[in-house]
Amino acid sequence: MRSDWDRFETTVHDPRRRRWLEQLEPVFARELRLARTDRGISQELLVAFVNQSFKLNWHQTTLAKVEAGERAIKLREALVLCEALEIPLRQLTGEDELPVVGWSS
């Protein structure tokens, strides 16, 4: 039976997971832009919606910087954008492409 530490080591050292972590921010930026444009939503409209509905206090330039990968995003902001675009967070992170690594014995 493998210990929890052995399973953790396997997860941490999986090269696909390491690549995913290294590319997380550019993937998020690209997928956010695609999700927004696929729905025909302008940056201005999305910003107005999240400011009104979720009290973010963003400007169009803030969203432009996030989509360009020039500004880090807070977890709450990411979840608000997912809620506004009606998509799961994993769609913006590329997590669906990762192998499943379970913690069961």
PDB file of N, CA and C in Angstrom:
ATOM      1  N   MET A   1       0.848  -1.174   0.000  1.00  0.00           N
ATOM      2  CA  MET A   1       0.000   0.000   0.000  1.00  0.00           C
ATOM      3  C   MET A   1       0.904   1.251   0.000  1.00  0.00           C
ATOM      4  N   ARG A   2       0.599   2.191  -0.871  1.00  0.00           N
ATOM      5  CA  ARG A   2       1.379   3.423  -0.965  1.00  0.00           C
ATOM      6  C   ARG A   2       0.969   4.403   0.126  1.00  0.00           C
ATOM      7  N   SER A   3       1.940   5.091   0.641  1.00  0.00           N
ATOM      8  CA  SER A   3       1.642   6.093   1.660  1.00  0.00           C
ATOM      9  C   SER A   3       1.119   7.355   0.995  1.00  0.00           C
ATOM     10  N   ASP A   4       0.528   8.210   1.807  1.00  0.00           N
ATOM     11  CA  ASP A   4       0.069   9.497   1.287  1.00  0.00           C
ATOM     12  C   ASP A   4       1.231  10.282   0.716  1.00  0.00           C
ATOM     13  N   TRP A   5       2.395  10.184   1.357  1.00  0.00           N
ATOM     14  CA  TRP A   5       3.565  10.914   0.865  1.00  0.00           C
ATOM     15  C   TRP A   5       3.967  10.420  -0.527  1.00  0.00           C
ATOM     16  N   ASP A   6       3.951   9.105  -0.747  1.00  0.00           N
ATOM     17  CA  ASP A   6       4.287   8.555  -2.061  1.00  0.00           C
ATOM     18  C   ASP A   6       3.322   9.051  -3.127  1.00  0.00           C
ATOM     19  N   ARG A   7       2.043   9.095  -2.800  1.00  0.00           N
ATOM     20  CA  ARG A   7       1.051   9.592  -3.759  1.00  0.00           C
ATOM     21  C   ARG A   7       1.265  11.074  -4.024  1.00  0.00           C
ATOM     22  N   PHE A   8       1.599  11.837  -2.976  1.00  0.00           N
ATOM     23  CA  PHE A   8       1.880  13.262  -3.132  1.00  0.00           C
ATOM     24  C   PHE A   8       3.099  13.454  -4.030  1.00  0.00           C
ATOM     25  N   GLU A   9       4.157  12.706  -3.791  1.00  0.00           N
ATOM     26  CA  GLU A   9       5.375  12.796  -4.603  1.00  0.00           C
ATOM     27  C   GLU A   9       5.069  12.503  -6.072  1.00  0.00           C
ATOM     28  N   THR A  10       4.261  11.498  -6.339  1.00  0.00           N
ATOM     29  CA  THR A  10       3.892  11.154  -7.709  1.00  0.00           C
ATOM     30  C   THR A  10       3.152  12.310  -8.369  1.00  0.00           C
ATOM     31  N   THR A  11       2.240  12.935  -7.637  1.00  0.00           N
ATOM     32  CA  THR A  11       1.465  14.056  -8.164  1.00  0.00           C
ATOM     33  C   THR A  11       2.364  15.251  -8.445  1.00  0.00           C
ATOM     34  N   VAL A  12       3.207  15.599  -7.506  1.00  0.00           N
ATOM     35  CA  VAL A  12       4.058  16.778  -7.626  1.00  0.00           C
ATOM     36  C   VAL A  12       5.063  16.628  -8.770  1.00  0.00           C
ATOM     37  N   HIS A  13       5.553  15.443  -8.972  1.00  0.00           N
ATOM     38  CA  HIS A  13       6.607  15.240  -9.967  1.00  0.00           C
ATOM     39  C   HIS A  13       6.083  14.827 -11.341  1.00  0.00           C
ATOM     40  N   ASP A  14       4.787  14.739 -11.498  1.00  0.00           N
ATOM     41  CA  ASP A  14       4.231  14.419 -12.817  1.00  0.00           C
ATOM     42  C   ASP A  14       4.579  15.569 -13.757  1.00  0.00           C
ATOM     43  N   PRO A  15       5.323  15.326 -14.838  1.00  0.00           N
ATOM     44  CA  PRO A  15       5.758  16.420 -15.718  1.00  0.00           C
ATOM     45  C   PRO A  15       4.598  17.174 -16.353  1.00  0.00           C
ATOM     46  N   ARG A  16       3.478  16.517 -16.583  1.00  0.00           N
ATOM     47  CA  ARG A  16       2.329  17.216 -17.168  1.00  0.00           C
ATOM     48  C   ARG A  16       1.753  18.222 -16.185  1.00  0.00           C
ATOM     49  N   ARG A  17       1.719  17.860 -14.913  1.00  0.00           N
ATOM     50  CA  ARG A  17       1.217  18.789 -13.895  1.00  0.00           C
ATOM     51  C   ARG A  17       2.179  19.961 -13.711  1.00  0.00           C
ATOM     52  N   ARG A  18       3.457  19.700 -13.755  1.00  0.00           N
ATOM     53  CA  ARG A  18       4.446  20.773 -13.606  1.00  0.00           C
ATOM     54  C   ARG A  18       4.328  21.757 -14.773  1.00  0.00           C
ATOM     55  N   ARG A  19       4.177  21.252 -15.994  1.00  0.00           N
ATOM     56  CA  ARG A  19       3.988  22.125 -17.166  1.00  0.00           C
ATOM     57  C   ARG A  19       2.716  22.940 -17.023  1.00  0.00           C
ATOM     58  N   TRP A  20       1.652  22.288 -16.562  1.00  0.00           N
ATOM     59  CA  TRP A  20       0.372  22.976 -16.361  1.00  0.00           C
ATOM     60  C   TRP A  20       0.545  24.140 -15.399  1.00  0.00           C
ATOM     61  N   LEU A  21       1.223  23.895 -14.285  1.00  0.00           N
ATOM     62  CA  LEU A  21       1.428  24.962 -13.308  1.00  0.00           C
ATOM     63  C   LEU A  21       2.261  26.107 -13.879  1.00  0.00           C
ATOM     64  N   GLU A  22       3.274  25.767 -14.657  1.00  0.00           N
ATOM     65  CA  GLU A  22       4.131  26.785 -15.257  1.00  0.00           C
ATOM     66  C   GLU A  22       3.388  27.632 -16.288  1.00  0.00           C
ATOM     67  N   GLN A  23       2.391  27.050 -16.938  1.00  0.00           N
ATOM     68  CA  GLN A  23       1.669  27.739 -18.007  1.00  0.00           C
ATOM     69  C   GLN A  23       0.296  28.231 -17.573  1.00  0.00           C
ATOM     70  N   LEU A  24      -0.011  28.129 -16.296  1.00  0.00           N
ATOM     71  CA  LEU A  24      -1.355  28.433 -15.809  1.00  0.00           C
ATOM     72  C   LEU A  24      -1.802  29.857 -16.134  1.00  0.00           C
ATOM     73  N   GLU A  25      -0.970  30.841 -15.883  1.00  0.00           N
ATOM     74  CA  GLU A  25      -1.389  32.229 -16.103  1.00  0.00           C
ATOM     75  C   GLU A  25      -1.612  32.557 -17.573  1.00  0.00           C
ATOM     76  N   PRO A  26      -0.706  32.184 -18.494  1.00  0.00           N
ATOM     77  CA  PRO A  26      -0.997  32.467 -19.903  1.00  0.00           C
ATOM     78  C   PRO A  26      -2.201  31.684 -20.436  1.00  0.00           C
ATOM     79  N   VAL A  27      -2.377  30.466 -19.959  1.00  0.00           N
ATOM     80  CA  VAL A  27      -3.543  29.674 -20.380  1.00  0.00           C
ATOM     81  C   VAL A  27      -4.822  30.337 -19.873  1.00  0.00           C
ATOM     82  N   PHE A  28      -4.820  30.774 -18.617  1.00  0.00           N
ATOM     83  CA  PHE A  28      -5.991  31.450 -18.060  1.00  0.00           C
ATOM     84  C   PHE A  28      -6.332  32.689 -18.877  1.00  0.00           C
ATOM     85  N   ALA A  29      -5.331  33.484 -19.191  1.00  0.00           N
ATOM     86  CA  ALA A  29      -5.551  34.724 -19.958  1.00  0.00           C
ATOM     87  C   ALA A  29      -6.166  34.409 -21.323  1.00  0.00           C
ATOM     88  N   ARG A  30      -5.598  33.430 -22.009  1.00  0.00           N
ATOM     89  CA  ARG A  30      -6.091  33.058 -23.341  1.00  0.00           C
ATOM     90  C   ARG A  30      -7.515  32.515 -23.271  1.00  0.00           C
ATOM     91  N   GLU A  31      -7.766  31.622 -22.331  1.00  0.00           N
ATOM     92  CA  GLU A  31      -9.088  30.996 -22.225  1.00  0.00           C
ATOM     93  C   GLU A  31     -10.155  31.990 -21.783  1.00  0.00           C
ATOM     94  N   LEU A  32      -9.790  32.937 -20.943  1.00  0.00           N
ATOM     95  CA  LEU A  32     -10.731  33.981 -20.548  1.00  0.00           C
ATOM     96  C   LEU A  32     -11.138  34.812 -21.754  1.00  0.00           C
ATOM     97  N   ARG A  33     -10.162  35.232 -22.530  1.00  0.00           N
ATOM     98  CA  ARG A  33     -10.444  36.029 -23.736  1.00  0.00           C
ATOM     99  C   ARG A  33     -11.326  35.234 -24.706  1.00  0.00           C
ATOM    100  N   LEU A  34     -10.999  33.944 -24.899  1.00  0.00           N
ATOM    101  CA  LEU A  34     -11.805  33.107 -25.801  1.00  0.00           C
ATOM    102  C   LEU A  34     -13.238  32.927 -25.290  1.00  0.00           C
ATOM    103  N   ALA A  35     -13.379  32.687 -24.005  1.00  0.00           N
ATOM    104  CA  ALA A  35     -14.727  32.503 -23.435  1.00  0.00           C
ATOM    105  C   ALA A  35     -15.563  33.759 -23.617  1.00  0.00           C
ATOM    106  N   ARG A  36     -14.943  34.904 -23.404  1.00  0.00           N
ATOM    107  CA  ARG A  36     -15.669  36.174 -23.547  1.00  0.00           C
ATOM    108  C   ARG A  36     -16.025  36.432 -25.006  1.00  0.00           C
ATOM    109  N   THR A  37     -15.058  36.313 -25.908  1.00  0.00           N
ATOM    110  CA  THR A  37     -15.319  36.629 -27.319  1.00  0.00           C
ATOM    111  C   THR A  37     -16.239  35.601 -27.969  1.00  0.00           C
ATOM    112  N   ASP A  38     -16.153  34.338 -27.556  1.00  0.00           N
ATOM    113  CA  ASP A  38     -17.063  33.310 -28.099  1.00  0.00           C
ATOM    114  C   ASP A  38     -18.518  33.629 -27.778  1.00  0.00           C
ATOM    115  N   ARG A  39     -18.741  34.354 -26.702  1.00  0.00           N
ATOM    116  CA  ARG A  39     -20.096  34.731 -26.303  1.00  0.00           C
ATOM    117  C   ARG A  39     -20.500  36.096 -26.864  1.00  0.00           C
ATOM    118  N   GLY A  40     -19.587  36.706 -27.592  1.00  0.00           N
ATOM    119  CA  GLY A  40     -19.888  37.998 -28.194  1.00  0.00           C
ATOM    120  C   GLY A  40     -19.980  39.137 -27.183  1.00  0.00           C
ATOM    121  N   ILE A  41     -19.261  39.004 -26.089  1.00  0.00           N
ATOM    122  CA  ILE A  41     -19.311  40.005 -25.022  1.00  0.00           C
ATOM    123  C   ILE A  41     -18.073  40.889 -25.120  1.00  0.00           C
ATOM    124  N   SER A  42     -18.273  42.189 -25.117  1.00  0.00           N
ATOM    125  CA  SER A  42     -17.143  43.116 -25.143  1.00  0.00           C
ATOM    126  C   SER A  42     -16.514  43.195 -23.754  1.00  0.00           C
ATOM    127  N   GLN A  43     -15.282  43.673 -23.715  1.00  0.00           N
ATOM    128  CA  GLN A  43     -14.633  43.895 -22.425  1.00  0.00           C
ATOM    129  C   GLN A  43     -15.439  44.891 -21.595  1.00  0.00           C
ATOM    130  N   GLU A  44     -15.919  45.946 -22.243  1.00  0.00           N
ATOM    131  CA  GLU A  44     -16.677  46.970 -21.534  1.00  0.00           C
ATOM    132  C   GLU A  44     -17.936  46.403 -20.893  1.00  0.00           C
ATOM    133  N   LEU A  45     -18.654  45.564 -21.643  1.00  0.00           N
ATOM    134  CA  LEU A  45     -19.889  44.985 -21.117  1.00  0.00           C
ATOM    135  C   LEU A  45     -19.606  44.034 -19.953  1.00  0.00           C
ATOM    136  N   LEU A  46     -18.586  43.195 -20.089  1.00  0.00           N
ATOM    137  CA  LEU A  46     -18.256  42.264 -19.006  1.00  0.00           C
ATOM    138  C   LEU A  46     -17.850  43.025 -17.748  1.00  0.00           C
ATOM    139  N   VAL A  47     -17.038  44.043 -17.907  1.00  0.00           N
ATOM    140  CA  VAL A  47     -16.607  44.845 -16.763  1.00  0.00           C
ATOM    141  C   VAL A  47     -17.803  45.535 -16.107  1.00  0.00           C
ATOM    142  N   ALA A  48     -18.677  46.103 -16.897  1.00  0.00           N
ATOM    143  CA  ALA A  48     -19.873  46.757 -16.344  1.00  0.00           C
ATOM    144  C   ALA A  48     -20.710  45.752 -15.556  1.00  0.00           C
ATOM    145  N   PHE A  49     -20.845  44.541 -16.093  1.00  0.00           N
ATOM    146  CA  PHE A  49     -21.652  43.520 -15.431  1.00  0.00           C
ATOM    147  C   PHE A  49     -21.024  43.092 -14.104  1.00  0.00           C
ATOM    148  N   VAL A  50     -19.728  42.797 -14.091  1.00  0.00           N
ATOM    149  CA  VAL A  50     -19.114  42.333 -12.847  1.00  0.00           C
ATOM    150  C   VAL A  50     -19.027  43.454 -11.816  1.00  0.00           C
ATOM    151  N   ASN A  51     -18.894  44.679 -12.276  1.00  0.00           N
ATOM    152  CA  ASN A  51     -18.889  45.807 -11.333  1.00  0.00           C
ATOM    153  C   ASN A  51     -20.259  45.973 -10.693  1.00  0.00           C
ATOM    154  N   GLN A  52     -21.299  45.894 -11.493  1.00  0.00           N
ATOM    155  CA  GLN A  52     -22.672  46.066 -11.005  1.00  0.00           C
ATOM    156  C   GLN A  52     -23.110  44.885 -10.138  1.00  0.00           C
ATOM    157  N   SER A  53     -22.861  43.676 -10.610  1.00  0.00           N
ATOM    158  CA  SER A  53     -23.387  42.487  -9.942  1.00  0.00           C
ATOM    159  C   SER A  53     -22.508  41.969  -8.808  1.00  0.00           C
ATOM    160  N   PHE A  54     -21.204  42.174  -8.920  1.00  0.00           N
ATOM    161  CA  PHE A  54     -20.286  41.568  -7.956  1.00  0.00           C
ATOM    162  C   PHE A  54     -19.381  42.578  -7.247  1.00  0.00           C
ATOM    163  N   LYS A  55     -19.590  43.859  -7.520  1.00  0.00           N
ATOM    164  CA  LYS A  55     -18.845  44.934  -6.834  1.00  0.00           C
ATOM    165  C   LYS A  55     -17.330  44.793  -6.973  1.00  0.00           C
ATOM    166  N   LEU A  56     -16.860  44.556  -8.199  1.00  0.00           N
ATOM    167  CA  LEU A  56     -15.417  44.407  -8.414  1.00  0.00           C
ATOM    168  C   LEU A  56     -14.679  45.735  -8.514  1.00  0.00           C
ATOM    169  N   ASN A  57     -15.288  46.762  -9.048  1.00  0.00           N
ATOM    170  CA  ASN A  57     -14.639  48.059  -9.259  1.00  0.00           C
ATOM    171  C   ASN A  57     -13.473  47.957 -10.254  1.00  0.00           C
ATOM    172  N   TRP A  58     -13.715  47.277 -11.356  1.00  0.00           N
ATOM    173  CA  TRP A  58     -12.720  47.112 -12.422  1.00  0.00           C
ATOM    174  C   TRP A  58     -12.940  48.167 -13.489  1.00  0.00           C
ATOM    175  N   HIS A  59     -11.919  48.383 -14.304  1.00  0.00           N
ATOM    176  CA  HIS A  59     -12.000  49.195 -15.508  1.00  0.00           C
ATOM    177  C   HIS A  59     -11.761  48.280 -16.700  1.00  0.00           C
ATOM    178  N   GLN A  60     -12.118  48.720 -17.881  1.00  0.00           N
ATOM    179  CA  GLN A  60     -11.876  47.924 -19.085  1.00  0.00           C
ATOM    180  C   GLN A  60     -10.396  47.595 -19.222  1.00  0.00           C
ATOM    181  N   THR A  61      -9.540  48.516 -18.825  1.00  0.00           N
ATOM    182  CA  THR A  61      -8.094  48.280 -18.931  1.00  0.00           C
ATOM    183  C   THR A  61      -7.630  47.169 -17.987  1.00  0.00           C
ATOM    184  N   THR A  62      -8.314  47.006 -16.869  1.00  0.00           N
ATOM    185  CA  THR A  62      -7.980  45.917 -15.945  1.00  0.00           C
ATOM    186  C   THR A  62      -8.214  44.578 -16.626  1.00  0.00           C
ATOM    187  N   LEU A  63      -9.384  44.429 -17.237  1.00  0.00           N
ATOM    188  CA  LEU A  63      -9.685  43.185 -17.945  1.00  0.00           C
ATOM    189  C   LEU A  63      -8.728  42.984 -19.117  1.00  0.00           C
ATOM    190  N   ALA A  64      -8.416  44.044 -19.830  1.00  0.00           N
ATOM    191  CA  ALA A  64      -7.481  43.936 -20.957  1.00  0.00           C
ATOM    192  C   ALA A  64      -6.121  43.435 -20.478  1.00  0.00           C
ATOM    193  N   LYS A  65      -5.663  43.925 -19.329  1.00  0.00           N
ATOM    194  CA  LYS A  65      -4.375  43.478 -18.791  1.00  0.00           C
ATOM    195  C   LYS A  65      -4.421  42.027 -18.332  1.00  0.00           C
ATOM    196  N   VAL A  66      -5.537  41.615 -17.738  1.00  0.00           N
ATOM    197  CA  VAL A  66      -5.685  40.212 -17.329  1.00  0.00           C
ATOM    198  C   VAL A  66      -5.655  39.321 -18.566  1.00  0.00           C
ATOM    199  N   GLU A  67      -6.408  39.690 -19.589  1.00  0.00           N
ATOM    200  CA  GLU A  67      -6.461  38.882 -20.816  1.00  0.00           C
ATOM    201  C   GLU A  67      -5.131  38.867 -21.565  1.00  0.00           C
ATOM    202  N   ALA A  68      -4.318  39.886 -21.376  1.00  0.00           N
ATOM    203  CA  ALA A  68      -2.997  39.943 -22.023  1.00  0.00           C
ATOM    204  C   ALA A  68      -1.924  39.271 -21.162  1.00  0.00           C
ATOM    205  N   GLY A  69      -2.308  38.817 -19.978  1.00  0.00           N
ATOM    206  CA  GLY A  69      -1.346  38.183 -19.085  1.00  0.00           C
ATOM    207  C   GLY A  69      -0.429  39.179 -18.402  1.00  0.00           C
ATOM    208  N   GLU A  70      -0.829  40.434 -18.362  1.00  0.00           N
ATOM    209  CA  GLU A  70      -0.003  41.497 -17.778  1.00  0.00           C
ATOM    210  C   GLU A  70      -0.391  41.820 -16.339  1.00  0.00           C
ATOM    211  N   ARG A  71      -1.482  41.232 -15.879  1.00  0.00           N
ATOM    212  CA  ARG A  71      -1.941  41.477 -14.506  1.00  0.00           C
ATOM    213  C   ARG A  71      -2.359  40.160 -13.885  1.00  0.00           C
ATOM    214  N   ALA A  72      -1.860  39.915 -12.686  1.00  0.00           N
ATOM    215  CA  ALA A  72      -2.278  38.721 -11.950  1.00  0.00           C
ATOM    216  C   ALA A  72      -3.739  38.882 -11.534  1.00  0.00           C
ATOM    217  N   ILE A  73      -4.391  37.758 -11.327  1.00  0.00           N
ATOM    218  CA  ILE A  73      -5.800  37.802 -10.947  1.00  0.00           C
ATOM    219  C   ILE A  73      -5.983  37.117  -9.599  1.00  0.00           C
ATOM    220  N   LYS A  74      -6.823  37.696  -8.775  1.00  0.00           N
ATOM    221  CA  LYS A  74      -7.128  37.113  -7.469  1.00  0.00           C
ATOM    222  C   LYS A  74      -8.161  36.013  -7.654  1.00  0.00           C
ATOM    223  N   LEU A  75      -8.185  35.091  -6.719  1.00  0.00           N
ATOM    224  CA  LEU A  75      -9.120  33.975  -6.809  1.00  0.00           C
ATOM    225  C   LEU A  75     -10.563  34.462  -6.884  1.00  0.00           C
ATOM    226  N   ARG A  76     -10.946  35.420  -6.043  1.00  0.00           N
ATOM    227  CA  ARG A  76     -12.317  35.932  -6.077  1.00  0.00           C
ATOM    228  C   ARG A  76     -12.648  36.516  -7.447  1.00  0.00           C
ATOM    229  N   GLU A  77     -11.708  37.246  -8.035  1.00  0.00           N
ATOM    230  CA  GLU A  77     -11.930  37.825  -9.355  1.00  0.00           C
ATOM    231  C   GLU A  77     -12.130  36.742 -10.408  1.00  0.00           C
ATOM    232  N   ALA A  78     -11.323  35.695 -10.328  1.00  0.00           N
ATOM    233  CA  ALA A  78     -11.455  34.587 -11.281  1.00  0.00           C
ATOM    234  C   ALA A  78     -12.821  33.917 -11.148  1.00  0.00           C
ATOM    235  N   LEU A  79     -13.255  33.708  -9.928  1.00  0.00           N
ATOM    236  CA  LEU A  79     -14.559  33.070  -9.700  1.00  0.00           C
ATOM    237  C   LEU A  79     -15.707  33.964 -10.156  1.00  0.00           C
ATOM    238  N   VAL A  80     -15.573  35.267  -9.945  1.00  0.00           N
ATOM    239  CA  VAL A  80     -16.595  36.213 -10.410  1.00  0.00           C
ATOM    240  C   VAL A  80     -16.693  36.169 -11.931  1.00  0.00           C
ATOM    241  N   LEU A  81     -15.562  36.169 -12.619  1.00  0.00           N
ATOM    242  CA  LEU A  81     -15.580  36.110 -14.082  1.00  0.00           C
ATOM    243  C   LEU A  81     -16.207  34.811 -14.569  1.00  0.00           C
ATOM    244  N   CYS A  82     -15.902  33.713 -13.896  1.00  0.00           N
ATOM    245  CA  CYS A  82     -16.520  32.430 -14.261  1.00  0.00           C
ATOM    246  C   CYS A  82     -18.030  32.475 -14.066  1.00  0.00           C
ATOM    247  N   GLU A  83     -18.449  33.047 -12.976  1.00  0.00           N
ATOM    248  CA  GLU A  83     -19.883  33.176 -12.706  1.00  0.00           C
ATOM    249  C   GLU A  83     -20.545  34.044 -13.775  1.00  0.00           C
ATOM    250  N   ALA A  84     -19.910  35.155 -14.108  1.00  0.00           N
ATOM    251  CA  ALA A  84     -20.471  36.063 -15.113  1.00  0.00           C
ATOM    252  C   ALA A  84     -20.546  35.414 -16.488  1.00  0.00           C
ATOM    253  N   LEU A  85     -19.541  34.610 -16.825  1.00  0.00           N
ATOM    254  CA  LEU A  85     -19.515  33.950 -18.142  1.00  0.00           C
ATOM    255  C   LEU A  85     -20.213  32.591 -18.127  1.00  0.00           C
ATOM    256  N   GLU A  86     -20.669  32.180 -16.937  1.00  0.00           N
ATOM    257  CA  GLU A  86     -21.364  30.896 -16.747  1.00  0.00           C
ATOM    258  C   GLU A  86     -20.513  29.725 -17.215  1.00  0.00           C
ATOM    259  N   ILE A  87     -19.279  29.696 -16.711  1.00  0.00           N
ATOM    260  CA  ILE A  87     -18.359  28.599 -17.038  1.00  0.00           C
ATOM    261  C   ILE A  87     -17.662  28.135 -15.768  1.00  0.00           C
ATOM    262  N   PRO A  88     -17.210  26.883 -15.730  1.00  0.00           N
ATOM    263  CA  PRO A  88     -16.455  26.416 -14.564  1.00  0.00           C
ATOM    264  C   PRO A  88     -15.026  26.950 -14.605  1.00  0.00           C
ATOM    265  N   LEU A  89     -14.441  27.130 -13.448  1.00  0.00           N
ATOM    266  CA  LEU A  89     -13.066  27.627 -13.359  1.00  0.00           C
ATOM    267  C   LEU A  89     -12.102  26.733 -14.132  1.00  0.00           C
ATOM    268  N   ARG A  90     -12.321  25.437 -14.100  1.00  0.00           N
ATOM    269  CA  ARG A  90     -11.407  24.510 -14.786  1.00  0.00           C
ATOM    270  C   ARG A  90     -11.354  24.779 -16.285  1.00  0.00           C
ATOM    271  N   GLN A  91     -12.382  25.373 -16.858  1.00  0.00           N
ATOM    272  CA  GLN A  91     -12.349  25.707 -18.290  1.00  0.00           C
ATOM    273  C   GLN A  91     -11.288  26.780 -18.569  1.00  0.00           C
ATOM    274  N   LEU A  92     -11.083  27.672 -17.617  1.00  0.00           N
ATOM    275  CA  LEU A  92     -10.111  28.744 -17.810  1.00  0.00           C
ATOM    276  C   LEU A  92      -8.692  28.340 -17.431  1.00  0.00           C
ATOM    277  N   THR A  93      -8.552  27.238 -16.708  1.00  0.00           N
ATOM    278  CA  THR A  93      -7.226  26.819 -16.257  1.00  0.00           C
ATOM    279  C   THR A  93      -6.608  25.731 -17.112  1.00  0.00           C
ATOM    280  N   GLY A  94      -7.396  25.137 -17.997  1.00  0.00           N
ATOM    281  CA  GLY A  94      -6.872  24.038 -18.794  1.00  0.00           C
ATOM    282  C   GLY A  94      -6.733  22.762 -17.999  1.00  0.00           C
ATOM    283  N   GLU A  95      -7.356  22.711 -16.837  1.00  0.00           N
ATOM    284  CA  GLU A  95      -7.227  21.559 -15.958  1.00  0.00           C
ATOM    285  C   GLU A  95      -7.831  20.292 -16.558  1.00  0.00           C
ATOM    286  N   ASP A  96      -8.791  20.434 -17.454  1.00  0.00           N
ATOM    287  CA  ASP A  96      -9.421  19.262 -18.063  1.00  0.00           C
ATOM    288  C   ASP A  96      -8.426  18.415 -18.846  1.00  0.00           C
ATOM    289  N   GLU A  97      -7.312  19.022 -19.265  1.00  0.00           N
ATOM    290  CA  GLU A  97      -6.322  18.312 -20.066  1.00  0.00           C
ATOM    291  C   GLU A  97      -5.341  17.520 -19.207  1.00  0.00           C
ATOM    292  N   LEU A  98      -5.404  17.659 -17.890  1.00  0.00           N
ATOM    293  CA  LEU A  98      -4.467  16.986 -16.993  1.00  0.00           C
ATOM    294  C   LEU A  98      -4.891  15.564 -16.724  1.00  0.00           C
ATOM    295  N   PRO A  99      -3.913  14.688 -16.478  1.00  0.00           N
ATOM    296  CA  PRO A  99      -4.257  13.338 -16.055  1.00  0.00           C
ATOM    297  C   PRO A  99      -4.821  13.376 -14.649  1.00  0.00           C
ATOM    298  N   VAL A 100      -5.748  12.502 -14.361  1.00  0.00           N
ATOM    299  CA  VAL A 100      -6.323  12.414 -13.026  1.00  0.00           C
ATOM    300  C   VAL A 100      -5.353  11.661 -12.136  1.00  0.00           C
ATOM    301  N   VAL A 101      -5.017  12.260 -11.034  1.00  0.00           N
ATOM    302  CA  VAL A 101      -4.143  11.607 -10.058  1.00  0.00           C
ATOM    303  C   VAL A 101      -4.942  11.476  -8.785  1.00  0.00           C
ATOM    304  N   GLY A 102      -5.306  10.246  -8.461  1.00  0.00           N
ATOM    305  CA  GLY A 102      -6.157  10.030  -7.297  1.00  0.00           C
ATOM    306  C   GLY A 102      -5.364   9.812  -6.030  1.00  0.00           C
ATOM    307  N   TRP A 103      -6.044  10.008  -4.924  1.00  0.00           N
ATOM    308  CA  TRP A 103      -5.430   9.790  -3.613  1.00  0.00           C
ATOM    309  C   TRP A 103      -5.904   8.487  -2.981  1.00  0.00           C
ATOM    310  N   SER A 104      -6.699   7.733  -3.716  1.00  0.00           N
ATOM    311  CA  SER A 104      -7.161   6.466  -3.140  1.00  0.00           C
ATOM    312  C   SER A 104      -6.048   5.424  -3.225  1.00  0.00           C
ATOM    313  N   SER A 105      -6.100   4.447  -2.371  1.00  0.00           N
ATOM    314  CA  SER A 105      -5.051   3.412  -2.319  1.00  0.00           C
ATOM    315  C   SER A 105      -5.048   2.553  -3.558  1.00  0.00           C
TER     316      SER A 105
END
